[in-house]
Amino acid sequence: MDSSILVFDSGSGGLTVAAEIKKRIPNIRLSYVSDAGFFPYGKKPHDILKKRILEVISKANSLTQPDIIVIACNTASTIALDLLRAELNIPIVGVVPAIKPAASLSKSKVVMVLGTHTTVNSAYVKMLITNFATECKVLIEDSEVLVLASEQKLLGNGFDPNIVTQEVQRIFSKPDAFNTDVLVLACTHFPLINAEIKNALPHHVTVIDSGLAIANRTHSLLKIEHQTCSPILDPEITFYTTGNVDSEQAKQSKIEALLQCSIKFKQLLL
């Protein structure tokens, strides 16, 4: 029996994690669900988000019957992972901001965590800092501008790299920011504009994210659950969206280039 994975995000950022999973497990059967109908999550109340995330993932789970669910969204992982694991009888992998490796890598002992407002201000991120980065000064920054820019780049319409440059320069103009030597991308959207972010950063700053670690963790769990993974003749990915299917299809060529396979779009009706 073929193994399958469901990858979830509030928008298209989780495709960066899906791409890492496809590289790590090429023969996997993969479905993707984007809650574009409720995007962006950033500053919405936690209780509303938890209810919404559970509703969307429960529906997608019943449709796709995956072996593992990957929550490729830092916001959803930080506020709803425990709820999802309690409600759904299936292995669930969440995205963990790479604070521990950042603290080990930093020479200046100043690191920055950049994500959505909800993620960077969450109790979970505070716990990671307390547990793994007590010897560092950890700067916390959020940027909805960069989330929206990431989606714009994937859409291919009206993307302006100067917006990324200006936002990164704004963030790094703050006190202590220049001493930062490791930047943690705590939003799965940001690797979509990784090149633009790096171009705008001071040269001494190293950028890290969690995509590869999540792919490795998913592979490890699948090996436990399924010792063999049969080759799939058609590696097409089904892309479910709670938003407008036509809007998602406008990104098709870029998504297919990112994932190195064909995409079929479907509406997810709640």
Protein backbone atom coordinates (compact mmCIF):
# COMPACT_ATOMS: atom_id res chain seq x y z
CA MET A 1 0.00 0.00 0.00
CA ASP A 2 1.36 3.43 -0.96
CA SER A 3 2.26 5.80 1.86
CA SER A 4 0.71 9.25 1.72
CA ILE A 5 1.25 12.62 3.37
CA LEU A 6 -1.06 15.59 3.83
CA VAL A 7 0.73 18.95 4.06
CA PHE A 8 -1.23 21.91 5.47
CA ASP A 9 -0.60 25.65 5.48
CA SER A 10 -2.58 28.88 5.73
CA GLY A 11 -1.46 29.69 2.18
CA SER A 12 1.33 28.66 -0.18
CA GLY A 13 4.31 28.89 2.20
CA GLY A 14 4.03 25.24 3.16
CA LEU A 15 4.98 24.35 -0.40
CA THR A 16 8.59 25.00 0.65
CA VAL A 17 8.23 22.18 3.20
CA ALA A 18 6.41 19.99 0.65
CA ALA A 19 9.34 20.51 -1.73
CA GLU A 20 11.81 19.31 0.91
CA ILE A 21 9.61 16.27 1.60
CA LYS A 22 9.47 15.43 -2.13
CA LYS A 23 13.27 15.61 -2.33
CA ARG A 24 13.64 13.39 0.74
CA ILE A 25 10.88 10.91 -0.21
CA PRO A 26 10.48 11.13 -4.02
CA ASN A 27 7.93 8.32 -4.32
CA ILE A 28 5.51 9.60 -1.70
CA ARG A 29 1.87 10.28 -2.50
CA LEU A 30 1.33 13.87 -1.37
CA SER A 31 -1.70 16.12 -0.97
CA TYR A 32 -1.52 19.80 -0.08
CA VAL A 33 -4.20 21.94 1.55
CA SER A 34 -4.12 25.73 1.60
CA ASP A 35 -6.56 27.65 3.80
CA ALA A 36 -6.43 30.56 1.37
CA GLY A 37 -10.03 31.40 2.24
CA PHE A 38 -8.87 32.51 5.70
CA PHE A 39 -5.38 33.83 4.81
CA PRO A 40 -3.42 35.44 6.43
CA TYR A 41 -3.53 33.88 9.90
CA GLY A 42 -1.01 36.33 11.43
CA LYS A 43 -3.05 38.48 13.81
CA LYS A 44 -6.38 36.61 14.03
CA PRO A 45 -7.59 35.57 17.53
CA HIS A 46 -6.24 32.22 18.72
CA ASP A 47 -9.61 30.69 19.60
CA ILE A 48 -11.00 31.42 16.13
CA LEU A 49 -7.84 30.09 14.47
CA LYS A 50 -7.85 26.86 16.48
CA LYS A 51 -11.44 26.11 15.50
CA ARG A 52 -10.74 26.92 11.86
CA ILE A 53 -7.52 24.88 11.65
CA LEU A 54 -9.18 21.83 13.20
CA GLU A 55 -12.14 22.12 10.81
CA VAL A 56 -9.97 22.42 7.68
CA ILE A 57 -7.52 19.67 8.60
CA SER A 58 -10.29 17.29 9.74
CA LYS A 59 -12.04 17.72 6.40
CA ALA A 60 -8.83 17.26 4.39
CA ASN A 61 -7.89 14.23 6.51
CA SER A 62 -11.20 12.51 5.79
CA LEU A 63 -10.81 13.21 2.05
CA THR A 64 -7.21 12.10 1.61
CA GLN A 65 -6.76 9.45 4.34
CA PRO A 66 -3.02 10.17 4.82
CA ASP A 67 -0.53 8.20 6.88
CA ILE A 68 0.98 11.41 8.30
CA ILE A 69 -0.13 15.04 8.49
CA VAL A 70 2.51 17.77 8.30
CA ILE A 71 1.48 21.16 9.68
CA ALA A 72 3.75 23.28 7.47
CA CYS A 73 2.64 26.49 9.14
CA ASN A 74 4.43 27.97 12.14
CA THR A 75 1.34 29.83 13.35
CA ALA A 76 -0.84 26.69 13.26
CA SER A 77 1.90 24.59 14.86
CA THR A 78 2.46 26.97 17.77
CA ILE A 79 -1.21 27.31 18.71
CA ALA A 80 -3.05 24.18 17.51
CA LEU A 81 -0.66 21.21 17.43
CA ASP A 82 -1.74 19.78 20.80
CA LEU A 83 -5.42 20.15 19.86
CA LEU A 84 -4.91 18.39 16.52
CA ARG A 85 -3.01 15.52 18.10
CA ALA A 86 -5.77 15.09 20.67
CA GLU A 87 -8.57 15.12 18.10
CA LEU A 88 -7.02 13.15 15.21
CA ASN A 89 -5.78 9.58 15.54
CA ILE A 90 -2.81 9.98 13.16
CA PRO A 91 0.87 11.00 13.44
CA ILE A 92 1.20 14.79 13.10
CA VAL A 93 4.45 16.66 12.48
CA GLY A 94 4.59 20.36 13.29
CA VAL A 95 7.03 23.08 12.28
CA VAL A 96 9.46 24.07 15.01
CA PRO A 97 11.34 27.39 14.59
CA ALA A 98 15.06 26.54 14.35
CA ILE A 99 16.02 28.34 17.58
CA LYS A 100 18.16 25.53 18.99
CA PRO A 101 20.47 25.23 15.94
CA ALA A 102 20.57 29.03 15.63
CA ALA A 103 21.82 29.40 19.20
CA SER A 104 24.53 26.79 18.59
CA LEU A 105 25.58 28.42 15.31
CA SER A 106 25.73 32.01 16.55
CA LYS A 107 29.15 33.45 17.34
CA SER A 108 27.89 36.90 18.39
CA LYS A 109 25.22 35.24 20.57
CA VAL A 110 22.59 37.52 19.07
CA VAL A 111 19.97 35.75 16.95
CA MET A 112 16.73 36.97 15.42
CA VAL A 113 13.49 35.04 15.02
CA LEU A 114 11.36 36.39 12.16
CA GLY A 115 7.81 35.16 11.61
CA THR A 116 4.16 36.10 11.98
CA HIS A 117 2.92 38.05 15.00
CA THR A 118 1.22 34.97 16.43
CA THR A 119 4.24 32.69 16.02
CA VAL A 120 6.98 34.90 17.42
CA ASN A 121 4.88 35.96 20.41
CA SER A 122 3.69 32.44 21.23
CA ALA A 123 4.34 30.61 24.49
CA TYR A 124 5.94 27.84 22.41
CA VAL A 125 8.64 30.14 21.01
CA LYS A 126 9.26 31.53 24.51
CA MET A 127 9.73 27.94 25.73
CA LEU A 128 12.22 27.18 22.92
CA ILE A 129 14.22 30.28 23.84
CA THR A 130 14.21 29.35 27.55
CA ASN A 131 15.23 25.75 26.83
CA PHE A 132 17.83 26.26 24.10
CA ALA A 133 18.95 29.88 23.82
CA THR A 134 19.55 31.22 27.33
CA GLU A 135 23.13 32.16 26.39
CA CYS A 136 21.89 34.29 23.48
CA LYS A 137 20.08 37.55 23.10
CA VAL A 138 17.05 36.59 21.00
CA LEU A 139 15.39 39.37 19.01
CA ILE A 140 11.76 38.82 18.03
CA GLU A 141 10.36 40.37 14.85
CA ASP A 142 7.13 39.86 12.90
CA SER A 143 6.33 40.90 9.35
CA GLU A 144 3.03 40.44 7.55
CA VAL A 145 4.60 42.45 4.70
CA LEU A 146 7.01 39.59 3.97
CA VAL A 147 4.23 36.97 4.17
CA LEU A 148 2.21 38.85 1.56
CA ALA A 149 5.31 39.44 -0.58
CA SER A 150 5.98 35.69 -0.58
CA GLU A 151 2.50 34.93 -1.91
CA GLN A 152 2.90 37.71 -4.48
CA LYS A 153 6.14 36.22 -5.78
CA LEU A 154 4.54 32.81 -6.25
CA LEU A 155 1.62 34.39 -8.07
CA GLY A 156 4.11 36.17 -10.33
CA ASN A 157 2.01 39.31 -10.60
CA GLY A 158 3.16 42.62 -9.18
CA PHE A 159 5.95 41.20 -7.04
CA ASP A 160 8.42 43.95 -6.15
CA PRO A 161 11.70 42.77 -4.57
CA ASN A 162 12.23 46.33 -3.29
CA ILE A 163 9.40 45.75 -0.82
CA VAL A 164 11.39 42.86 0.68
CA THR A 165 14.56 44.96 0.75
CA GLN A 166 12.82 47.87 2.47
CA GLU A 167 11.17 45.61 5.06
CA VAL A 168 14.39 43.76 5.91
CA GLN A 169 16.28 47.05 6.17
CA ARG A 170 13.54 48.42 8.45
CA ILE A 171 13.86 45.39 10.74
CA PHE A 172 17.65 45.50 10.82
CA SER A 173 17.74 49.23 11.52
CA LYS A 174 16.48 48.56 15.06
CA PRO A 175 18.78 48.59 18.12
CA ASP A 176 20.96 45.47 18.48
CA ALA A 177 19.79 44.08 15.13
CA PHE A 178 23.13 44.66 13.40
CA ASN A 179 24.82 42.37 15.96
CA THR A 180 22.59 39.51 14.80
CA ASP A 181 24.58 36.82 12.99
CA VAL A 182 21.84 34.17 12.61
CA LEU A 183 18.32 34.82 11.30
CA VAL A 184 15.67 32.17 11.92
CA LEU A 185 12.92 32.13 9.31
CA ALA A 186 9.98 31.14 11.54
CA CYS A 187 7.42 31.26 8.73
CA THR A 188 7.29 28.69 5.94
CA HIS A 189 6.43 31.45 3.46
CA PHE A 190 9.80 33.14 3.83
CA PRO A 191 11.94 30.56 1.96
CA LEU A 192 9.93 31.57 -1.14
CA ILE A 193 11.75 34.93 -0.94
CA ASN A 194 14.97 33.55 0.52
CA ALA A 195 17.15 35.09 -2.21
CA GLU A 196 15.59 38.53 -1.77
CA ILE A 197 15.93 38.35 2.03
CA LYS A 198 19.59 37.33 1.80
CA ASN A 199 20.34 40.12 -0.68
CA ALA A 200 18.93 42.68 1.75
CA LEU A 201 20.75 41.37 4.83
CA PRO A 202 24.14 42.41 6.18
CA HIS A 203 26.71 39.98 4.74
CA HIS A 204 27.61 38.46 8.12
CA VAL A 205 24.08 37.10 8.76
CA THR A 206 23.36 33.38 8.22
CA VAL A 207 19.76 32.39 7.39
CA ILE A 208 18.23 29.10 8.55
CA ASP A 209 14.78 27.51 8.38
CA SER A 210 13.15 24.21 9.39
CA GLY A 211 12.20 22.70 6.01
CA LEU A 212 14.87 19.99 5.80
CA ALA A 213 14.46 19.01 9.46
CA ILE A 214 10.71 18.56 8.97
CA ALA A 215 11.30 16.41 5.86
CA ASN A 216 13.76 14.23 7.79
CA ARG A 217 11.35 13.83 10.71
CA THR A 218 8.53 12.88 8.33
CA HIS A 219 10.76 10.34 6.60
CA SER A 220 11.72 8.85 9.96
CA LEU A 221 8.08 8.42 11.00
CA LEU A 222 7.12 6.90 7.66
CA LYS A 223 9.93 4.36 7.93
CA ILE A 224 8.51 3.30 11.27
CA GLU A 225 4.97 3.09 9.97
CA HIS A 226 5.82 1.64 6.53
CA GLN A 227 9.09 -0.14 5.91
CA THR A 228 8.75 0.06 2.14
CA CYS A 229 7.37 2.75 -0.12
CA SER A 230 6.29 1.56 -3.57
CA PRO A 231 7.22 3.73 -6.57
CA ILE A 232 4.36 5.92 -7.78
CA LEU A 233 4.00 6.05 -11.54
CA ASP A 234 2.17 9.37 -11.50
CA PRO A 235 3.65 11.69 -8.84
CA GLU A 236 0.90 14.29 -9.34
CA ILE A 237 0.05 16.31 -6.23
CA THR A 238 -3.53 17.28 -5.41
CA PHE A 239 -3.70 20.89 -4.21
CA TYR A 240 -6.82 21.59 -2.14
CA THR A 241 -7.80 25.16 -1.37
CA THR A 242 -10.51 26.80 0.73
CA GLY A 243 -10.04 29.90 -1.43
CA ASN A 244 -10.54 30.61 -5.12
CA VAL A 245 -9.33 27.75 -7.34
CA ASP A 246 -8.70 30.09 -10.28
CA SER A 247 -6.41 32.23 -8.11
CA GLU A 248 -4.41 29.16 -7.09
CA GLN A 249 -4.19 27.92 -10.70
CA ALA A 250 -2.54 31.21 -11.64
CA LYS A 251 0.45 29.98 -9.61
CA GLN A 252 0.51 26.55 -11.27
CA SER A 253 3.70 26.83 -13.32
CA LYS A 254 5.71 28.16 -10.36
CA ILE A 255 4.31 25.55 -7.97
CA GLU A 256 5.10 22.75 -10.41
CA ALA A 257 8.63 24.10 -10.86
CA LEU A 258 9.07 24.19 -7.07
CA LEU A 259 7.74 20.67 -6.49
CA GLN A 260 9.05 19.13 -9.74
CA CYS A 261 5.74 17.44 -10.54
CA SER A 262 2.29 18.16 -11.95
CA ILE A 263 -0.48 19.68 -9.82
CA LYS A 264 -4.22 19.08 -9.82
CA PHE A 265 -6.34 21.75 -8.09
CA LYS A 266 -9.53 21.06 -6.13
CA GLN A 267 -11.86 23.11 -3.97
CA LEU A 268 -12.04 22.11 -0.30
CA LEU A 269 -15.61 22.72 0.80
CA LEU A 270 -16.15 23.03 4.54
